C-alpha atoms as a PDB file:
ATOM      1  CA  UNK A   1     -16.997 -47.371  -1.125  1.00  0.00           C
ATOM      2  CA  UNK A   2     -16.382 -45.266   1.990  1.00  0.00           C
ATOM      3  CA  UNK A   3     -16.859 -41.489   1.971  1.00  0.00           C
ATOM      4  CA  UNK A   4     -13.157 -41.020   2.600  1.00  0.00           C
ATOM      5  CA  UNK A   5     -12.341 -43.122  -0.484  1.00  0.00           C
ATOM      6  CA  UNK A   6     -14.925 -41.242  -2.561  1.00  0.00           C
ATOM      7  CA  UNK A   7     -13.455 -37.841  -1.699  1.00  0.00           C
ATOM      8  CA  UNK A   8      -9.907 -39.032  -2.299  1.00  0.00           C
ATOM      9  CA  UNK A   9     -11.002 -40.282  -5.714  1.00  0.00           C
ATOM     10  CA  UNK A  10     -12.683 -36.960  -6.419  1.00  0.00           C
ATOM     11  CA  UNK A  11      -9.428 -35.180  -5.689  1.00  0.00           C
ATOM     12  CA  UNK A  12      -7.579 -37.329  -8.217  1.00  0.00           C
ATOM     13  CA  UNK A  13     -10.314 -37.065 -10.846  1.00  0.00           C
ATOM     14  CA  UNK A  14     -10.439 -33.259 -10.505  1.00  0.00           C
ATOM     15  CA  UNK A  15      -6.716 -33.054 -11.024  1.00  0.00           C
ATOM     16  CA  UNK A  16      -6.865 -35.431 -13.975  1.00  0.00           C
ATOM     17  CA  UNK A  17      -9.613 -33.470 -15.737  1.00  0.00           C
ATOM     18  CA  UNK A  18      -7.266 -30.524 -16.241  1.00  0.00           C
ATOM     19  CA  UNK A  19      -4.938 -31.716 -18.977  1.00  0.00           C
ATOM     20  CA  UNK A  20      -1.312 -30.664 -19.444  1.00  0.00           C
ATOM     21  CA  UNK A  21      -2.433 -28.630 -22.482  1.00  0.00           C
ATOM     22  CA  UNK A  22      -4.822 -26.612 -20.329  1.00  0.00           C
ATOM     23  CA  UNK A  23      -2.079 -26.123 -17.766  1.00  0.00           C
ATOM     24  CA  UNK A  24       0.280 -24.774 -20.416  1.00  0.00           C
ATOM     25  CA  UNK A  25      -2.301 -22.313 -21.790  1.00  0.00           C
ATOM     26  CA  UNK A  26      -3.846 -20.900 -18.617  1.00  0.00           C
ATOM     27  CA  UNK A  27      -2.682 -21.198 -15.028  1.00  0.00           C
ATOM     28  CA  UNK A  28      -0.719 -23.807 -13.127  1.00  0.00           C
ATOM     29  CA  UNK A  29      -0.943 -26.523 -10.519  1.00  0.00           C
ATOM     30  CA  UNK A  30       0.586 -26.415  -7.097  1.00  0.00           C
ATOM     31  CA  UNK A  31       0.902 -28.647  -4.042  1.00  0.00           C
ATOM     32  CA  UNK A  32       0.991 -27.386  -0.468  1.00  0.00           C
ATOM     33  CA  UNK A  33       2.229 -29.826   2.188  1.00  0.00           C
ATOM     34  CA  UNK A  34       2.371 -28.580   5.755  1.00  0.00           C
ATOM     35  CA  UNK A  35       1.059 -28.757   9.311  1.00  0.00           C
ATOM     36  CA  UNK A  36      -2.420 -28.152  10.697  1.00  0.00           C
ATOM     37  CA  UNK A  37      -3.160 -27.027  14.270  1.00  0.00           C
ATOM     38  CA  UNK A  38      -6.741 -27.113  15.533  1.00  0.00           C
ATOM     39  CA  UNK A  39      -8.370 -25.581  18.581  1.00  0.00           C
ATOM     40  CA  UNK A  40     -11.799 -27.137  19.064  1.00  0.00           C
ATOM     41  CA  UNK A  41     -14.935 -25.570  20.460  1.00  0.00           C
ATOM     42  CA  UNK A  42     -15.107 -25.871  24.249  1.00  0.00           C
ATOM     43  CA  UNK A  43     -18.411 -27.742  24.074  1.00  0.00           C
ATOM     44  CA  UNK A  44     -16.844 -30.756  22.332  1.00  0.00           C
ATOM     45  CA  UNK A  45     -14.327 -31.669  25.037  1.00  0.00           C
ATOM     46  CA  UNK A  46     -11.682 -32.228  22.358  1.00  0.00           C
ATOM     47  CA  UNK A  47      -8.061 -31.349  23.001  1.00  0.00           C
ATOM     48  CA  UNK A  48      -6.103 -29.193  20.548  1.00  0.00           C
ATOM     49  CA  UNK A  49      -3.958 -31.174  18.138  1.00  0.00           C
ATOM     50  CA  UNK A  50      -1.354 -30.839  15.354  1.00  0.00           C
ATOM     51  CA  UNK A  51      -0.896 -33.103  12.346  1.00  0.00           C
ATOM     52  CA  UNK A  52      -0.265 -33.068   8.597  1.00  0.00           C
ATOM     53  CA  UNK A  53      -1.971 -30.856   6.006  1.00  0.00           C
ATOM     54  CA  UNK A  54      -1.974 -31.357   2.222  1.00  0.00           C
ATOM     55  CA  UNK A  55      -3.438 -29.101  -0.438  1.00  0.00           C
ATOM     56  CA  UNK A  56      -3.594 -29.538  -4.226  1.00  0.00           C
ATOM     57  CA  UNK A  57      -4.475 -26.344  -6.052  1.00  0.00           C
ATOM     58  CA  UNK A  58      -4.774 -24.617  -9.393  1.00  0.00           C
ATOM     59  CA  UNK A  59      -4.220 -20.929 -10.177  1.00  0.00           C
ATOM     60  CA  UNK A  60      -7.082 -19.701 -12.335  1.00  0.00           C
ATOM     61  CA  UNK A  61      -5.607 -16.170 -12.579  1.00  0.00           C
ATOM     62  CA  UNK A  62      -2.836 -14.257 -10.832  1.00  0.00           C
ATOM     63  CA  UNK A  63      -5.330 -13.424  -8.046  1.00  0.00           C
ATOM     64  CA  UNK A  64      -7.744 -16.365  -7.882  1.00  0.00           C
ATOM     65  CA  UNK A  65      -7.069 -20.067  -7.164  1.00  0.00           C
ATOM     66  CA  UNK A  66      -9.034 -23.101  -6.067  1.00  0.00           C
ATOM     67  CA  UNK A  67      -7.643 -25.738  -3.750  1.00  0.00           C
ATOM     68  CA  UNK A  68      -8.651 -29.215  -2.606  1.00  0.00           C
ATOM     69  CA  UNK A  69      -7.149 -30.049   0.777  1.00  0.00           C
ATOM     70  CA  UNK A  70      -7.219 -32.567   3.574  1.00  0.00           C
ATOM     71  CA  UNK A  71      -5.826 -33.016   7.047  1.00  0.00           C
ATOM     72  CA  UNK A  72      -5.978 -35.826   9.610  1.00  0.00           C
ATOM     73  CA  UNK A  73      -6.032 -35.467  13.404  1.00  0.00           C
ATOM     74  CA  UNK A  74      -6.000 -38.022  16.206  1.00  0.00           C
ATOM     75  CA  UNK A  75      -7.121 -35.784  19.016  1.00  0.00           C
ATOM     76  CA  UNK A  76      -8.101 -36.819  22.530  1.00  0.00           C
ATOM     77  CA  UNK A  77     -11.192 -36.257  24.622  1.00  0.00           C
ATOM     78  CA  UNK A  78     -11.565 -36.267  28.383  1.00  0.00           C
ATOM     79  CA  UNK A  79     -10.379 -39.579  29.774  1.00  0.00           C
ATOM     80  CA  UNK A  80      -7.644 -39.971  27.154  1.00  0.00           C
ATOM     81  CA  UNK A  81      -9.701 -41.628  24.393  1.00  0.00           C
ATOM     82  CA  UNK A  82      -8.551 -40.765  20.876  1.00  0.00           C
ATOM     83  CA  UNK A  83     -10.905 -39.559  18.141  1.00  0.00           C
ATOM     84  CA  UNK A  84      -9.896 -39.789  14.473  1.00  0.00           C
ATOM     85  CA  UNK A  85     -10.890 -36.612  12.595  1.00  0.00           C
ATOM     86  CA  UNK A  86     -10.470 -36.280   8.829  1.00  0.00           C
ATOM     87  CA  UNK A  87     -11.241 -33.034   7.016  1.00  0.00           C
ATOM     88  CA  UNK A  88     -11.691 -32.632   3.242  1.00  0.00           C
ATOM     89  CA  UNK A  89     -12.619 -29.312   1.659  1.00  0.00           C
ATOM     90  CA  UNK A  90     -12.627 -27.248  -1.521  1.00  0.00           C
ATOM     91  CA  UNK A  91     -11.653 -23.573  -1.152  1.00  0.00           C
ATOM     92  CA  UNK A  92     -11.455 -20.511  -3.359  1.00  0.00           C
ATOM     93  CA  UNK A  93      -8.429 -18.351  -2.517  1.00  0.00           C
ATOM     94  CA  UNK A  94      -8.315 -14.668  -3.499  1.00  0.00           C
ATOM     95  CA  UNK A  95      -5.164 -12.526  -3.386  1.00  0.00           C
ATOM     96  CA  UNK A  96      -6.128  -9.100  -2.017  1.00  0.00           C
ATOM     97  CA  UNK A  97      -3.302  -7.309  -3.834  1.00  0.00           C
ATOM     98  CA  UNK A  98      -2.319  -5.699  -0.521  1.00  0.00           C
ATOM     99  CA  UNK A  99       1.216  -6.166   0.752  1.00  0.00           C
ATOM    100  CA  UNK A 100       2.493  -6.143   4.320  1.00  0.00           C
ATOM    101  CA  UNK A 101       6.157  -5.511   3.626  1.00  0.00           C
ATOM    102  CA  UNK A 102       7.391  -8.568   1.727  1.00  0.00           C
ATOM    103  CA  UNK A 103       4.192 -10.537   2.470  1.00  0.00           C
ATOM    104  CA  UNK A 104       1.132 -10.896   0.224  1.00  0.00           C
ATOM    105  CA  UNK A 105      -2.299 -11.099   1.838  1.00  0.00           C
ATOM    106  CA  UNK A 106      -5.247 -13.271   0.841  1.00  0.00           C
ATOM    107  CA  UNK A 107      -8.702 -14.418   1.933  1.00  0.00           C
ATOM    108  CA  UNK A 108     -10.416 -17.751   1.336  1.00  0.00           C
ATOM    109  CA  UNK A 109     -13.611 -19.644   1.857  1.00  0.00           C
ATOM    110  CA  UNK A 110     -15.079 -23.012   0.954  1.00  0.00           C
ATOM    111  CA  UNK A 111     -17.070 -26.126   1.837  1.00  0.00           C
ATOM    112  CA  UNK A 112     -16.146 -29.675   2.735  1.00  0.00           C
ATOM    113  CA  UNK A 113     -16.708 -32.725   4.851  1.00  0.00           C
ATOM    114  CA  UNK A 114     -15.511 -33.731   8.298  1.00  0.00           C
ATOM    115  CA  UNK A 115     -15.383 -37.397   9.311  1.00  0.00           C
ATOM    116  CA  UNK A 116     -15.625 -37.261  13.094  1.00  0.00           C
ATOM    117  CA  UNK A 117     -14.981 -40.678  14.592  1.00  0.00           C
ATOM    118  CA  UNK A 118     -16.899 -42.348  11.771  1.00  0.00           C
ATOM    119  CA  UNK A 119     -19.677 -39.746  11.503  1.00  0.00           C
ATOM    120  CA  UNK A 120     -19.749 -37.296   8.595  1.00  0.00           C
ATOM    121  CA  UNK A 121     -20.632 -33.610   8.839  1.00  0.00           C
ATOM    122  CA  UNK A 122     -20.766 -30.957   6.161  1.00  0.00           C
ATOM    123  CA  UNK A 123     -18.712 -27.908   7.020  1.00  0.00           C
ATOM    124  CA  UNK A 124     -17.824 -24.523   5.619  1.00  0.00           C
ATOM    125  CA  UNK A 125     -14.715 -22.579   6.387  1.00  0.00           C
ATOM    126  CA  UNK A 126     -13.491 -19.020   5.914  1.00  0.00           C
ATOM    127  CA  UNK A 127     -10.313 -17.181   6.798  1.00  0.00           C
ATOM    128  CA  UNK A 128      -7.268 -15.352   5.551  1.00  0.00           C
ATOM    129  CA  UNK A 129      -3.513 -15.272   5.768  1.00  0.00           C
ATOM    130  CA  UNK A 130      -0.174 -14.167   4.395  1.00  0.00           C
ATOM    131  CA  UNK A 131       2.280 -15.672   1.942  1.00  0.00           C
ATOM    132  CA  UNK A 132       5.923 -15.056   1.143  1.00  0.00           C
ATOM    133  CA  UNK A 133       7.470 -15.706  -2.268  1.00  0.00           C
ATOM    134  CA  UNK A 134      10.775 -17.567  -1.933  1.00  0.00           C
ATOM    135  CA  UNK A 135      11.409 -18.294  -5.638  1.00  0.00           C
ATOM    136  CA  UNK A 136       9.239 -18.424  -8.770  1.00  0.00           C
ATOM    137  CA  UNK A 137       8.200 -21.960  -7.783  1.00  0.00           C
ATOM    138  CA  UNK A 138       8.360 -21.931  -3.988  1.00  0.00           C
ATOM    139  CA  UNK A 139       6.431 -19.868  -1.475  1.00  0.00           C
ATOM    140  CA  UNK A 140       5.462 -20.148   2.170  1.00  0.00           C
ATOM    141  CA  UNK A 141       2.048 -19.311   3.571  1.00  0.00           C
ATOM    142  CA  UNK A 142       0.172 -19.325   6.861  1.00  0.00           C
ATOM    143  CA  UNK A 143      -3.610 -19.328   7.089  1.00  0.00           C
ATOM    144  CA  UNK A 144      -6.068 -18.835   9.935  1.00  0.00           C
ATOM    145  CA  UNK A 145      -9.506 -20.404   9.403  1.00  0.00           C
ATOM    146  CA  UNK A 146     -12.744 -20.842  11.294  1.00  0.00           C
ATOM    147  CA  UNK A 147     -14.792 -24.009  10.722  1.00  0.00           C
ATOM    148  CA  UNK A 148     -18.582 -24.131  11.081  1.00  0.00           C
ATOM    149  CA  UNK A 149     -20.347 -27.508  11.048  1.00  0.00           C
ATOM    150  CA  UNK A 150     -23.785 -27.681   9.486  1.00  0.00           C
ATOM    151  CA  UNK A 151     -26.433 -29.726  11.264  1.00  0.00           C
ATOM    152  CA  UNK A 152     -24.759 -30.340  14.620  1.00  0.00           C
ATOM    153  CA  UNK A 153     -26.958 -29.646  17.595  1.00  0.00           C
ATOM    154  CA  UNK A 154     -24.136 -28.016  19.552  1.00  0.00           C
ATOM    155  CA  UNK A 155     -23.120 -25.841  16.536  1.00  0.00           C
ATOM    156  CA  UNK A 156     -19.396 -26.266  17.026  1.00  0.00           C
ATOM    157  CA  UNK A 157     -17.101 -23.473  15.838  1.00  0.00           C
ATOM    158  CA  UNK A 158     -13.452 -24.565  15.598  1.00  0.00           C
ATOM    159  CA  UNK A 159     -10.384 -22.495  14.754  1.00  0.00           C
ATOM    160  CA  UNK A 160      -7.382 -23.772  12.841  1.00  0.00           C
ATOM    161  CA  UNK A 161      -3.978 -22.479  11.802  1.00  0.00           C
ATOM    162  CA  UNK A 162      -2.276 -24.097   8.828  1.00  0.00           C
ATOM    163  CA  UNK A 163       1.253 -23.408   7.628  1.00  0.00           C
ATOM    164  CA  UNK A 164       2.567 -24.894   4.393  1.00  0.00           C
ATOM    165  CA  UNK A 165       5.261 -24.759   1.750  1.00  0.00           C
ATOM    166  CA  UNK A 166       3.687 -24.217  -1.670  1.00  0.00           C
ATOM    167  CA  UNK A 167       5.335 -25.590  -4.811  1.00  0.00           C
ATOM    168  CA  UNK A 168       4.062 -24.465  -8.217  1.00  0.00           C
ATOM    169  CA  UNK A 169       4.858 -26.619 -11.214  1.00  0.00           C
ATOM    170  CA  UNK A 170       6.437 -25.278 -14.369  1.00  0.00           C
ATOM    171  CA  UNK A 171       7.951 -21.950 -13.312  1.00  0.00           C
ATOM    172  CA  UNK A 172       6.265 -18.577 -12.967  1.00  0.00           C
ATOM    173  CA  UNK A 173       2.854 -19.271 -14.503  1.00  0.00           C
ATOM    174  CA  UNK A 174       0.637 -17.766 -11.834  1.00  0.00           C
ATOM    175  CA  UNK A 175      -0.628 -15.191 -14.372  1.00  0.00           C
ATOM    176  CA  UNK A 176      -2.819 -16.029 -17.384  1.00  0.00           C
ATOM    177  CA  UNK A 177      -0.975 -16.829 -20.592  1.00  0.00           C
ATOM    178  CA  UNK A 178      -1.911 -13.568 -22.346  1.00  0.00           C
ATOM    179  CA  UNK A 179      -0.313 -11.494 -19.611  1.00  0.00           C
ATOM    180  CA  UNK A 180       2.562 -13.928 -19.263  1.00  0.00           C
ATOM    181  CA  UNK A 181       3.744 -14.337 -22.835  1.00  0.00           C
ATOM    182  CA  UNK A 182       5.734 -11.120 -23.146  1.00  0.00           C
ATOM    183  CA  UNK A 183       7.590 -11.488 -19.866  1.00  0.00           C
ATOM    184  CA  UNK A 184       7.976 -15.190 -19.015  1.00  0.00           C
ATOM    185  CA  UNK A 185      11.118 -15.756 -21.060  1.00  0.00           C
ATOM    186  CA  UNK A 186      12.818 -12.600 -19.832  1.00  0.00           C
ATOM    187  CA  UNK A 187      11.827 -12.977 -16.183  1.00  0.00           C
ATOM    188  CA  UNK A 188      13.578 -16.334 -15.839  1.00  0.00           C
ATOM    189  CA  UNK A 189      16.952 -14.717 -16.567  1.00  0.00           C
ATOM    190  CA  UNK A 190      16.174 -11.112 -15.568  1.00  0.00           C
ATOM    191  CA  UNK A 191      14.245 -10.986 -12.277  1.00  0.00           C
ATOM    192  CA  UNK A 192      12.338  -8.129 -10.707  1.00  0.00           C
ATOM    193  CA  UNK A 193      13.793  -8.272  -7.210  1.00  0.00           C
ATOM    194  CA  UNK A 194      11.876  -5.355  -5.672  1.00  0.00           C
ATOM    195  CA  UNK A 195       8.630  -6.405  -7.429  1.00  0.00           C
ATOM    196  CA  UNK A 196       7.894  -2.960  -8.868  1.00  0.00           C
ATOM    197  CA  UNK A 197       7.228  -4.205 -12.425  1.00  0.00           C
ATOM    198  CA  UNK A 198      10.618  -3.100 -13.806  1.00  0.00           C
ATOM    199  CA  UNK A 199      13.202  -5.815 -14.504  1.00  0.00           C
ATOM    200  CA  UNK A 200      16.497  -5.561 -12.639  1.00  0.00           C
ATOM    201  CA  UNK A 201      18.501  -5.002 -15.843  1.00  0.00           C
ATOM    202  CA  UNK A 202      16.916  -1.568 -16.322  1.00  0.00           C
ATOM    203  CA  UNK A 203      15.905  -0.735 -12.747  1.00  0.00           C
ATOM    204  CA  UNK A 204      17.847   2.352 -11.642  1.00  0.00           C
ATOM    205  CA  UNK A 205      16.275   2.240  -8.166  1.00  0.00           C
ATOM    206  CA  UNK A 206      16.536  -1.432  -7.127  1.00  0.00           C
ATOM    207  CA  UNK A 207      15.261  -1.013  -3.554  1.00  0.00           C
ATOM    208  CA  UNK A 208      12.007   0.844  -4.220  1.00  0.00           C
ATOM    209  CA  UNK A 209       9.270   0.153  -1.673  1.00  0.00           C
ATOM    210  CA  UNK A 210       6.464  -1.877  -3.219  1.00  0.00           C
ATOM    211  CA  UNK A 211       3.881   0.748  -2.166  1.00  0.00           C
ATOM    212  CA  UNK A 212       5.384   3.409  -4.485  1.00  0.00           C
ATOM    213  CA  UNK A 213       4.382   3.958  -8.103  1.00  0.00           C
ATOM    214  CA  UNK A 214       7.458   3.921 -10.331  1.00  0.00           C
ATOM    215  CA  UNK A 215       8.516   5.294 -13.706  1.00  0.00           C
ATOM    216  CA  UNK A 216      10.054   3.300 -16.578  1.00  0.00           C
ATOM    217  CA  UNK A 217      13.418   3.339 -14.786  1.00  0.00           C
ATOM    218  CA  UNK A 218      11.937   1.764 -11.646  1.00  0.00           C
ATOM    219  CA  UNK A 219      12.302   4.960  -9.572  1.00  0.00           C
ATOM    220  CA  UNK A 220       9.521   6.400  -7.377  1.00  0.00           C
ATOM    221  CA  UNK A 221       7.356   8.995  -9.102  1.00  0.00           C
ATOM    222  CA  UNK A 222       7.581  12.176  -7.109  1.00  0.00           C
ATOM    223  CA  UNK A 223       4.612  14.452  -6.546  1.00  0.00           C
ATOM    224  CA  UNK A 224       4.408  17.917  -5.102  1.00  0.00           C
ATOM    225  CA  UNK A 225       2.285  18.526  -2.062  1.00  0.00           C
ATOM    226  CA  UNK A 226       1.129  22.134  -2.180  1.00  0.00           C
ATOM    227  CA  UNK A 227       2.422  23.922   0.906  1.00  0.00           C
ATOM    228  CA  UNK A 228       0.373  27.041   1.645  1.00  0.00           C
ATOM    229  CA  UNK A 229       1.855  30.004   3.477  1.00  0.00           C
ATOM    230  CA  UNK A 230       0.463  33.530   3.457  1.00  0.00           C
ATOM    231  CA  UNK A 231       1.994  36.860   4.445  1.00  0.00           C
ATOM    232  CA  UNK A 232       0.587  40.321   3.891  1.00  0.00           C
ATOM    233  CA  UNK A 233       2.597  43.352   5.049  1.00  0.00           C
ATOM    234  CA  UNK A 234       1.151  46.759   4.213  1.00  0.00           C
ATOM    235  CA  UNK A 235       3.046  50.070   4.132  1.00  0.00           C
ATOM    236  CA  UNK A 236       2.343  53.750   4.594  1.00  0.00           C
ATOM    237  CA  UNK A 237       2.324  55.962   1.521  1.00  0.00           C
ATOM    238  CA  UNK A 238       5.764  56.320  -0.056  1.00  0.00           C
ATOM    239  CA  UNK A 239       7.441  54.439   2.835  1.00  0.00           C
ATOM    240  CA  UNK A 240       9.364  51.134   3.006  1.00  0.00           C
ATOM    241  CA  UNK A 241       9.760  50.693   6.780  1.00  0.00           C
ATOM    242  CA  UNK A 242       8.243  47.471   8.149  1.00  0.00           C
ATOM    243  CA  UNK A 243       5.869  48.331  10.983  1.00  0.00           C
ATOM    244  CA  UNK A 244       6.220  46.263  14.161  1.00  0.00           C
ATOM    245  CA  UNK A 245       2.561  45.249  14.042  1.00  0.00           C
ATOM    246  CA  UNK A 246       3.502  42.836  11.209  1.00  0.00           C
ATOM    247  CA  UNK A 247       6.355  41.107  13.051  1.00  0.00           C
ATOM    248  CA  UNK A 248       4.063  38.357  14.373  1.00  0.00           C
ATOM    249  CA  UNK A 249       2.896  37.523  10.820  1.00  0.00           C
ATOM    250  CA  UNK A 250       6.467  37.449   9.561  1.00  0.00           C
ATOM    251  CA  UNK A 251       7.364  35.106  12.435  1.00  0.00           C
ATOM    252  CA  UNK A 252       4.599  32.700  11.378  1.00  0.00           C
ATOM    253  CA  UNK A 253       6.222  32.430   7.943  1.00  0.00           C
ATOM    254  CA  UNK A 254       9.626  31.893   9.552  1.00  0.00           C
ATOM    255  CA  UNK A 255       8.178  29.128  11.760  1.00  0.00           C
ATOM    256  CA  UNK A 256       6.629  27.496   8.690  1.00  0.00           C
ATOM    257  CA  UNK A 257      10.034  27.457   6.991  1.00  0.00           C
ATOM    258  CA  UNK A 258      11.550  25.832  10.085  1.00  0.00           C
ATOM    259  CA  UNK A 259       8.975  23.009   9.915  1.00  0.00           C
ATOM    260  CA  UNK A 260       9.579  22.523   6.196  1.00  0.00           C
ATOM    261  CA  UNK A 261      13.328  22.909   5.575  1.00  0.00           C
ATOM    262  CA  UNK A 262      12.956  22.076   1.854  1.00  0.00           C
ATOM    263  CA  UNK A 263      10.659  25.038   1.239  1.00  0.00           C
ATOM    264  CA  UNK A 264      11.986  28.338  -0.123  1.00  0.00           C
ATOM    265  CA  UNK A 265       9.882  31.461  -0.566  1.00  0.00           C
ATOM    266  CA  UNK A 266       9.820  34.473  -2.829  1.00  0.00           C
ATOM    267  CA  UNK A 267       8.667  37.842  -1.500  1.00  0.00           C
ATOM    268  CA  UNK A 268       6.686  40.053  -3.878  1.00  0.00           C
ATOM    269  CA  UNK A 269       6.651  43.833  -3.427  1.00  0.00           C
ATOM    270  CA  UNK A 270       3.862  46.102  -4.730  1.00  0.00           C
ATOM    271  CA  UNK A 271       2.780  49.760  -4.676  1.00  0.00           C
ATOM    272  CA  UNK A 272      -0.255  51.822  -5.501  1.00  0.00           C
ATOM    273  CA  UNK A 273      -0.436  53.824  -8.724  1.00  0.00           C
ATOM    274  CA  UNK A 274       0.601  57.240  -7.467  1.00  0.00           C
ATOM    275  CA  UNK A 275       3.980  58.278  -8.814  1.00  0.00           C
ATOM    276  CA  UNK A 276       5.820  57.209 -11.945  1.00  0.00           C
ATOM    277  CA  UNK A 277       6.174  53.580 -12.908  1.00  0.00           C
ATOM    278  CA  UNK A 278       9.947  53.712 -12.532  1.00  0.00           C
ATOM    279  CA  UNK A 279       9.718  55.241  -9.060  1.00  0.00           C
ATOM    280  CA  UNK A 280       7.106  52.731  -7.947  1.00  0.00           C
ATOM    281  CA  UNK A 281       9.215  49.818  -9.183  1.00  0.00           C
ATOM    282  CA  UNK A 282      12.136  51.014  -7.058  1.00  0.00           C
ATOM    283  CA  UNK A 283       9.838  51.582  -4.057  1.00  0.00           C
ATOM    284  CA  UNK A 284       8.445  48.042  -4.337  1.00  0.00           C
ATOM    285  CA  UNK A 285      11.979  46.646  -4.382  1.00  0.00           C
ATOM    286  CA  UNK A 286      12.863  48.621  -1.243  1.00  0.00           C
ATOM    287  CA  UNK A 287       9.752  47.361   0.528  1.00  0.00           C
ATOM    288  CA  UNK A 288      10.356  43.724  -0.312  1.00  0.00           C
ATOM    289  CA  UNK A 289      14.019  44.016   0.674  1.00  0.00           C
ATOM    290  CA  UNK A 290      12.980  45.432   4.055  1.00  0.00           C
ATOM    291  CA  UNK A 291      10.674  42.490   4.817  1.00  0.00           C
ATOM    292  CA  UNK A 292      13.356  40.028   3.704  1.00  0.00           C
ATOM    293  CA  UNK A 293      15.874  41.656   6.047  1.00  0.00           C
ATOM    294  CA  UNK A 294      13.473  41.385   8.992  1.00  0.00           C
ATOM    295  CA  UNK A 295      13.112  37.647   8.338  1.00  0.00           C
ATOM    296  CA  UNK A 296      16.886  37.211   8.214  1.00  0.00           C
ATOM    297  CA  UNK A 297      17.936  39.493  11.099  1.00  0.00           C
ATOM    298  CA  UNK A 298      15.078  39.052  13.541  1.00  0.00           C
ATOM    299  CA  UNK A 299      13.893  35.507  12.868  1.00  0.00           C
ATOM    300  CA  UNK A 300      17.122  33.807  11.696  1.00  0.00           C
ATOM    301  CA  UNK A 301      15.840  32.643   8.303  1.00  0.00           C
ATOM    302  CA  UNK A 302      18.683  31.647   5.972  1.00  0.00           C
ATOM    303  CA  UNK A 303      19.221  34.330   3.363  1.00  0.00           C
ATOM    304  CA  UNK A 304      19.544  31.710   0.611  1.00  0.00           C
ATOM    305  CA  UNK A 305      15.986  30.549   1.248  1.00  0.00           C
ATOM    306  CA  UNK A 306      14.350  33.969   0.710  1.00  0.00           C
ATOM    307  CA  UNK A 307      14.323  35.733  -2.646  1.00  0.00           C
ATOM    308  CA  UNK A 308      12.593  39.022  -3.439  1.00  0.00           C
ATOM    309  CA  UNK A 309      11.145  40.813  -6.452  1.00  0.00           C
ATOM    310  CA  UNK A 310       9.399  44.146  -6.878  1.00  0.00           C
ATOM    311  CA  UNK A 311       6.466  44.568  -9.267  1.00  0.00           C
ATOM    312  CA  UNK A 312       5.726  48.260  -8.753  1.00  0.00           C
ATOM    313  CA  UNK A 313       2.123  49.175  -9.538  1.00  0.00           C
ATOM    314  CA  UNK A 314       1.586  46.431 -12.156  1.00  0.00           C
ATOM    315  CA  UNK A 315      -0.391  43.958 -10.003  1.00  0.00           C
ATOM    316  CA  UNK A 316      -2.990  45.796  -7.919  1.00  0.00           C
ATOM    317  CA  UNK A 317      -5.246  43.872  -5.550  1.00  0.00           C
ATOM    318  CA  UNK A 318      -7.844  46.619  -5.377  1.00  0.00           C
ATOM    319  CA  UNK A 319      -8.846  49.746  -7.242  1.00  0.00           C
ATOM    320  CA  UNK A 320      -6.434  52.672  -7.010  1.00  0.00           C
ATOM    321  CA  UNK A 321      -9.370  55.101  -7.154  1.00  0.00           C
ATOM    322  CA  UNK A 322      -9.901  55.083  -3.374  1.00  0.00           C
ATOM    323  CA  UNK A 323      -7.710  55.525  -0.290  1.00  0.00           C
ATOM    324  CA  UNK A 324      -8.716  52.060   0.983  1.00  0.00           C
ATOM    325  CA  UNK A 325      -7.855  50.407  -2.326  1.00  0.00           C
ATOM    326  CA  UNK A 326      -4.494  52.149  -2.569  1.00  0.00           C
ATOM    327  CA  UNK A 327      -3.676  51.078   1.010  1.00  0.00           C
ATOM    328  CA  UNK A 328      -4.317  47.419   0.041  1.00  0.00           C
ATOM    329  CA  UNK A 329      -2.005  47.737  -2.938  1.00  0.00           C
ATOM    330  CA  UNK A 330       0.953  48.983  -0.849  1.00  0.00           C
ATOM    331  CA  UNK A 331       1.989  45.492   0.228  1.00  0.00           C
ATOM    332  CA  UNK A 332       4.517  42.641   0.335  1.00  0.00           C
ATOM    333  CA  UNK A 333       3.268  39.063  -0.201  1.00  0.00           C
ATOM    334  CA  UNK A 334       4.898  35.618  -0.193  1.00  0.00           C
ATOM    335  CA  UNK A 335       4.900  32.871  -2.798  1.00  0.00           C
ATOM    336  CA  UNK A 336       6.150  29.316  -2.163  1.00  0.00           C
ATOM    337  CA  UNK A 337       8.535  28.437  -4.970  1.00  0.00           C
ATOM    338  CA  UNK A 338       9.775  24.992  -3.823  1.00  0.00           C
ATOM    339  CA  UNK A 339       7.102  22.697  -2.453  1.00  0.00           C
ATOM    340  CA  UNK A 340       7.354  19.635  -0.240  1.00  0.00           C
ATOM    341  CA  UNK A 341       8.132  16.479  -2.270  1.00  0.00           C
ATOM    342  CA  UNK A 342       6.753  13.012  -1.618  1.00  0.00           C
ATOM    343  CA  UNK A 343       5.994   9.894  -3.676  1.00  0.00           C
ATOM    344  CA  UNK A 344       2.872   8.764  -5.456  1.00  0.00           C
ATOM    345  CA  UNK A 345       1.298   5.625  -3.917  1.00  0.00           C
ATOM    346  CA  UNK A 346       0.856   2.554  -6.105  1.00  0.00           C
END
């Protein structure tokens, strides 16, 4: 029996060993007919060629499959003579779980045999590619592989590109049965078009990007990115006039608000402890109102984006027992009250 016949028989026996009962309880079979293009190592003198490709595979899990495949080439060498090349190989294919838009990505590697004009060589291959799901049963994939031949003196390294239509038998069984049981019946009549894990019937955000984490309604989960902005304006004793030396700091806050139009701020006014609590509360309100007005009049900040509140002497930064400490406490500060919103990655 020829090697080609032996390998063909092995393909059929391997398929036959996995019974329909096993198929129903675990993964699923698929076939992948397509085209194979090969670019041979320069040292061989072989011309590039295109011919058929056929793979027969089985999904072990939703991420891992094995595949037996073959392709046949009738390439030419210098002088026009044709060489018959038959490849047979067994590969493991691993889905990376990384998406490029609507495309899934995967890597693969395996071993096989190449019959080169009647001479057999063991080879190993490795590569990767992308696939696109058309329906539950049909998908399209393209793979780039490198082929290394073991035992050849010239150590050929060939490169191939294979493109194929993949047909999986029996519907959407690419996941193990335990993960599949709860959803297989529903998914056949209620799809998940945007592939976010929420069925269309209860997906309130049907066009969510696949890179976003979603809630139970299928909408992106928002997160708050903390936007930091600091302002410290100090005042003379018992005064509420904003000194010009602080205009540059106030402008920095105004510029920050221009860069982040969704951010609002609250100004906090404070005093030292001299005077009555009621008087100091009113003084802190006058101070914070003065800074707010500078932002609006001088730096064109929208009034609706700046709120103000006086706290009097209730929140000192430093001790009121010294002149330096009291000077620190006579201040206006800023607090960001609406932060920049984005979405949590999947």
